């Protein structure tokens, strides 16, 4: 199964793993699953670091790439069909980063690993991660 980790879940994995439920943990570590982390999430992290909302122990590029390596996650680029898919989504959630993750999960046929309740209303394949 292909799993797309949302920003919050990757951050929790390394800083507050107790916030993730056991099913999400099992699926993230399962060797048969492929993990992906969107460049959109890296962009979101970079913005939050830049405005002082998210302190990291190292620069964004080093932090994200080292965490992805440790998890065995692949980078998922934003491509034209992902952006166009955003236009088809109902406006239940206004966060542009979450909306692109939804679109990527739909286009790439991935299960989105999230703890954001609003995202469950979109009818896509979700792995609920919140403990």
C-alpha atoms as a PDB file:
ATOM      1  CA  UNK A   1       0.000   0.000   0.000  1.00  0.00           C
ATOM      2  CA  UNK A   2       1.207   3.516  -0.769  1.00  0.00           C
ATOM      3  CA  UNK A   3       0.978   5.871   2.214  1.00  0.00           C
ATOM      4  CA  UNK A   4       1.249   9.645   1.953  1.00  0.00           C
ATOM      5  CA  UNK A   5       2.214  11.118   5.324  1.00  0.00           C
ATOM      6  CA  UNK A   6       0.799  14.503   6.083  1.00  0.00           C
ATOM      7  CA  UNK A   7       3.067  17.128   7.597  1.00  0.00           C
ATOM      8  CA  UNK A   8       1.810  16.758  11.142  1.00  0.00           C
ATOM      9  CA  UNK A   9       2.206  12.984  11.172  1.00  0.00           C
ATOM     10  CA  UNK A  10       5.845  13.113  10.085  1.00  0.00           C
ATOM     11  CA  UNK A  11       6.592  15.723  12.736  1.00  0.00           C
ATOM     12  CA  UNK A  12       4.771  13.720  15.416  1.00  0.00           C
ATOM     13  CA  UNK A  13       6.618  10.531  14.424  1.00  0.00           C
ATOM     14  CA  UNK A  14       9.902  12.097  15.479  1.00  0.00           C
ATOM     15  CA  UNK A  15       8.834  14.477  18.254  1.00  0.00           C
ATOM     16  CA  UNK A  16       5.596  13.157  19.808  1.00  0.00           C
ATOM     17  CA  UNK A  17       5.024   9.564  18.647  1.00  0.00           C
ATOM     18  CA  UNK A  18       2.501   9.031  21.451  1.00  0.00           C
ATOM     19  CA  UNK A  19       0.094  11.249  19.470  1.00  0.00           C
ATOM     20  CA  UNK A  20      -0.110   8.552  16.746  1.00  0.00           C
ATOM     21  CA  UNK A  21      -2.392   5.555  17.157  1.00  0.00           C
ATOM     22  CA  UNK A  22      -1.132   1.975  17.014  1.00  0.00           C
ATOM     23  CA  UNK A  23      -2.692   1.238  13.619  1.00  0.00           C
ATOM     24  CA  UNK A  24      -0.921   4.195  12.018  1.00  0.00           C
ATOM     25  CA  UNK A  25       2.372   3.191  13.641  1.00  0.00           C
ATOM     26  CA  UNK A  26       2.000  -0.393  12.424  1.00  0.00           C
ATOM     27  CA  UNK A  27       1.234   0.726   8.865  1.00  0.00           C
ATOM     28  CA  UNK A  28       4.106   3.241   8.775  1.00  0.00           C
ATOM     29  CA  UNK A  29       6.663   0.632   9.857  1.00  0.00           C
ATOM     30  CA  UNK A  30       5.233  -2.218   7.755  1.00  0.00           C
ATOM     31  CA  UNK A  31       7.862  -3.119   5.176  1.00  0.00           C
ATOM     32  CA  UNK A  32       5.260  -3.955   2.545  1.00  0.00           C
ATOM     33  CA  UNK A  33       4.012  -0.353   2.516  1.00  0.00           C
ATOM     34  CA  UNK A  34       5.639   2.450   0.533  1.00  0.00           C
ATOM     35  CA  UNK A  35       5.920   5.761   2.377  1.00  0.00           C
ATOM     36  CA  UNK A  36       5.811   9.128   0.653  1.00  0.00           C
ATOM     37  CA  UNK A  37       6.262  12.684   1.907  1.00  0.00           C
ATOM     38  CA  UNK A  38       5.116  15.512  -0.311  1.00  0.00           C
ATOM     39  CA  UNK A  39       7.294  18.421  -1.298  1.00  0.00           C
ATOM     40  CA  UNK A  40       4.216  20.461  -0.288  1.00  0.00           C
ATOM     41  CA  UNK A  41       4.759  19.347   3.307  1.00  0.00           C
ATOM     42  CA  UNK A  42       8.409  20.350   3.140  1.00  0.00           C
ATOM     43  CA  UNK A  43       7.278  23.733   1.839  1.00  0.00           C
ATOM     44  CA  UNK A  44       4.798  24.025   4.726  1.00  0.00           C
ATOM     45  CA  UNK A  45       7.534  23.192   7.239  1.00  0.00           C
ATOM     46  CA  UNK A  46       9.870  25.746   5.654  1.00  0.00           C
ATOM     47  CA  UNK A  47       7.219  28.465   5.917  1.00  0.00           C
ATOM     48  CA  UNK A  48       6.494  27.657   9.567  1.00  0.00           C
ATOM     49  CA  UNK A  49      10.195  27.650  10.394  1.00  0.00           C
ATOM     50  CA  UNK A  50      10.653  30.951   8.552  1.00  0.00           C
ATOM     51  CA  UNK A  51       7.922  32.711  10.526  1.00  0.00           C
ATOM     52  CA  UNK A  52       9.109  31.278  13.834  1.00  0.00           C
ATOM     53  CA  UNK A  53       6.108  28.979  14.344  1.00  0.00           C
ATOM     54  CA  UNK A  54       8.096  25.723  14.161  1.00  0.00           C
ATOM     55  CA  UNK A  55      11.543  25.465  15.753  1.00  0.00           C
ATOM     56  CA  UNK A  56      13.726  22.701  14.332  1.00  0.00           C
ATOM     57  CA  UNK A  57      17.050  21.424  15.696  1.00  0.00           C
ATOM     58  CA  UNK A  58      18.687  21.783  12.250  1.00  0.00           C
ATOM     59  CA  UNK A  59      18.057  23.473   8.879  1.00  0.00           C
ATOM     60  CA  UNK A  60      14.849  22.471   7.079  1.00  0.00           C
ATOM     61  CA  UNK A  61      16.572  20.625   4.215  1.00  0.00           C
ATOM     62  CA  UNK A  62      18.722  18.555   6.562  1.00  0.00           C
ATOM     63  CA  UNK A  63      15.865  17.920   8.979  1.00  0.00           C
ATOM     64  CA  UNK A  64      13.342  16.736   6.401  1.00  0.00           C
ATOM     65  CA  UNK A  65      15.756  14.706   4.284  1.00  0.00           C
ATOM     66  CA  UNK A  66      17.258  12.921   7.292  1.00  0.00           C
ATOM     67  CA  UNK A  67      13.812  12.090   8.705  1.00  0.00           C
ATOM     68  CA  UNK A  68      12.630  10.818   5.338  1.00  0.00           C
ATOM     69  CA  UNK A  69      15.721   8.605   5.090  1.00  0.00           C
ATOM     70  CA  UNK A  70      15.146   7.233   8.583  1.00  0.00           C
ATOM     71  CA  UNK A  71      11.548   6.403   7.685  1.00  0.00           C
ATOM     72  CA  UNK A  72      12.418   5.129   4.228  1.00  0.00           C
ATOM     73  CA  UNK A  73      10.016   7.671   2.714  1.00  0.00           C
ATOM     74  CA  UNK A  74      10.216   8.854  -0.868  1.00  0.00           C
ATOM     75  CA  UNK A  75       9.665  12.423  -1.972  1.00  0.00           C
ATOM     76  CA  UNK A  76       6.457  13.158  -3.875  1.00  0.00           C
ATOM     77  CA  UNK A  77       6.777  16.137  -6.207  1.00  0.00           C
ATOM     78  CA  UNK A  78       3.856  18.382  -7.082  1.00  0.00           C
ATOM     79  CA  UNK A  79       2.953  17.924 -10.732  1.00  0.00           C
ATOM     80  CA  UNK A  80       0.439  19.578 -13.045  1.00  0.00           C
ATOM     81  CA  UNK A  81      -2.365  16.983 -12.573  1.00  0.00           C
ATOM     82  CA  UNK A  82      -2.110  17.375  -8.779  1.00  0.00           C
ATOM     83  CA  UNK A  83      -2.630  21.121  -9.064  1.00  0.00           C
ATOM     84  CA  UNK A  84      -5.574  20.721 -11.454  1.00  0.00           C
ATOM     85  CA  UNK A  85      -7.177  18.144  -9.142  1.00  0.00           C
ATOM     86  CA  UNK A  86      -7.342  20.754  -6.347  1.00  0.00           C
ATOM     87  CA  UNK A  87      -9.999  22.600  -8.383  1.00  0.00           C
ATOM     88  CA  UNK A  88     -12.301  19.574  -8.179  1.00  0.00           C
ATOM     89  CA  UNK A  89     -12.216  19.376  -4.386  1.00  0.00           C
ATOM     90  CA  UNK A  90     -15.122  20.795  -2.392  1.00  0.00           C
ATOM     91  CA  UNK A  91     -14.093  23.736  -0.250  1.00  0.00           C
ATOM     92  CA  UNK A  92     -14.369  21.922   3.089  1.00  0.00           C
ATOM     93  CA  UNK A  93     -10.800  22.793   4.037  1.00  0.00           C
ATOM     94  CA  UNK A  94      -9.079  26.034   3.090  1.00  0.00           C
ATOM     95  CA  UNK A  95      -5.493  25.073   3.906  1.00  0.00           C
ATOM     96  CA  UNK A  96      -3.678  24.939   0.550  1.00  0.00           C
ATOM     97  CA  UNK A  97      -1.124  22.411   1.810  1.00  0.00           C
ATOM     98  CA  UNK A  98      -3.804  19.981   2.945  1.00  0.00           C
ATOM     99  CA  UNK A  99      -5.720  20.471  -0.287  1.00  0.00           C
ATOM    100  CA  UNK A 100      -2.704  19.578  -2.419  1.00  0.00           C
ATOM    101  CA  UNK A 101      -2.079  16.499  -0.247  1.00  0.00           C
ATOM    102  CA  UNK A 102      -5.669  15.421  -0.854  1.00  0.00           C
ATOM    103  CA  UNK A 103      -5.239  15.922  -4.593  1.00  0.00           C
ATOM    104  CA  UNK A 104      -1.951  14.026  -4.624  1.00  0.00           C
ATOM    105  CA  UNK A 105      -3.471  11.122  -2.699  1.00  0.00           C
ATOM    106  CA  UNK A 106      -6.353  10.959  -5.173  1.00  0.00           C
ATOM    107  CA  UNK A 107      -4.256  11.185  -8.341  1.00  0.00           C
ATOM    108  CA  UNK A 108      -1.537   8.814  -7.109  1.00  0.00           C
ATOM    109  CA  UNK A 109      -4.012   6.392  -5.477  1.00  0.00           C
ATOM    110  CA  UNK A 110      -2.408   6.665  -2.074  1.00  0.00           C
ATOM    111  CA  UNK A 111      -3.809   6.388   1.404  1.00  0.00           C
ATOM    112  CA  UNK A 112      -3.393   9.712   3.238  1.00  0.00           C
ATOM    113  CA  UNK A 113      -2.070   9.319   6.776  1.00  0.00           C
ATOM    114  CA  UNK A 114      -3.584  12.186   8.738  1.00  0.00           C
ATOM    115  CA  UNK A 115      -4.937  13.365  12.073  1.00  0.00           C
ATOM    116  CA  UNK A 116      -6.958  16.202  10.530  1.00  0.00           C
ATOM    117  CA  UNK A 117     -10.660  15.407  10.954  1.00  0.00           C
ATOM    118  CA  UNK A 118     -11.744  17.728   8.154  1.00  0.00           C
ATOM    119  CA  UNK A 119      -9.781  15.663   5.637  1.00  0.00           C
ATOM    120  CA  UNK A 120     -11.882  12.598   6.443  1.00  0.00           C
ATOM    121  CA  UNK A 121     -14.897  14.385   4.908  1.00  0.00           C
ATOM    122  CA  UNK A 122     -13.436  14.222   1.387  1.00  0.00           C
ATOM    123  CA  UNK A 123     -14.211  10.565   0.823  1.00  0.00           C
ATOM    124  CA  UNK A 124     -10.663   9.575  -0.056  1.00  0.00           C
ATOM    125  CA  UNK A 125      -8.723   6.678   1.384  1.00  0.00           C
ATOM    126  CA  UNK A 126      -7.563   7.832   4.836  1.00  0.00           C
ATOM    127  CA  UNK A 127      -5.491   6.154   7.495  1.00  0.00           C
ATOM    128  CA  UNK A 128      -6.590   7.865  10.706  1.00  0.00           C
ATOM    129  CA  UNK A 129      -3.441   8.549  12.734  1.00  0.00           C
ATOM    130  CA  UNK A 130      -4.489  10.415  15.851  1.00  0.00           C
ATOM    131  CA  UNK A 131      -4.236   8.510  19.130  1.00  0.00           C
END
